[in-house]
Amino acid sequence: MAKAITLTGVGVASLRLSEIPDAVAGPGEILIAVEAASINPVDRAAVDPGYGDKMPGSAPWILGWDLAGRVTALGSGVDDIAVGDRVLGFSQWFKGGPGLHRSLVALPRDNVAVAGDAVPADELTTFGLNGLTALQVLDAAGLEEGQTLLVIGASGGVGGFVAQLADSRGITVLTAGRDTPPADFAGMELDGLINTAPADPTSYLEAVRDDGVATSVTTPAEAERGIRSSRVGVRVDRAGLETVAGLAERGVLRTTVAAAYPAEQAAWAFEADGSAGRIVLTF
């Protein structure tokens, strides 16, 4: 039997370490022994205060968007990855995918990227959801080498990766914390902004030139002066996940893990302070 952290209600008291049937790799799937899985803000919010009737299906739920682990078996039709390979995995549990806070899981091939051994498992898992989101929102902005970008919420997981990715592409990056006054950037004529904070980025548009770009992973900015505004939601993207894994392997993307907790201490992990870095579960 495999192990999973299940959520039966609202609050950390509703978290359980449960036994579940072993997963099996179906056609086009990869079976992965999970070494580490990160706790993301969307997971924390599902536990406390909870999402009510917005939660997918019925209790109990298994949360978790990303993992680091080893391939243990291959389903039919998968021939470009090998048993024993180290992988980075991604799953949209909130949209019906399997939650990854478990010791064994089967994922579709498109949700998995070979990652190599350079990055420890507790760090590697943090590049899944946040790294893929950062890559997709930066690609949507369409900025090029030599252009300028304001990243709102750069101290967070997604914002930090956006800033690192943009810098690696030769884009000049300015950063704003959640409490940085928009007036600090007014009139700068920047080429674009990317918002990764739970805030309305419209007030920062004074920093962006006419016909610039504003992309967001939360609330989109209200378009004005020809500025192209959009909201980007993360999606399954095998090529993107492979790109993120490769950048992590080469040290282009870096992360900080504040603490790693064994699955048996899941309640403590969900209550832990993640302001100094990511909180990770290990199996």
Foldseek 3Di string as FASTA:
>chain_A
DKWAWWAQDAALVRTDTDDDDADDAAAQKWKWFFFKFFQDPVNLVCRPPRDPPLAPDHDTAGATFKTWTFTQDHHPPDDPDDGGFIKIFGFDVSVPTHHDRIRMDMDHPLRIAGFDDQDDGHFRRLCRQLVQQLVVQLVVQVDAAPFEEEEEQCLDSNNVNNVLVCVVRNYHYDYHYPPRDLVVQAPLQGQEYEYEDQDACQSNCSNHHQLHEYEYCHHWHDDDNNYHIYYDHGDRGSVSSNVSSVCVSVVSDGFDEPEEAESVPVSVQSVDDQSVGIYMYGD
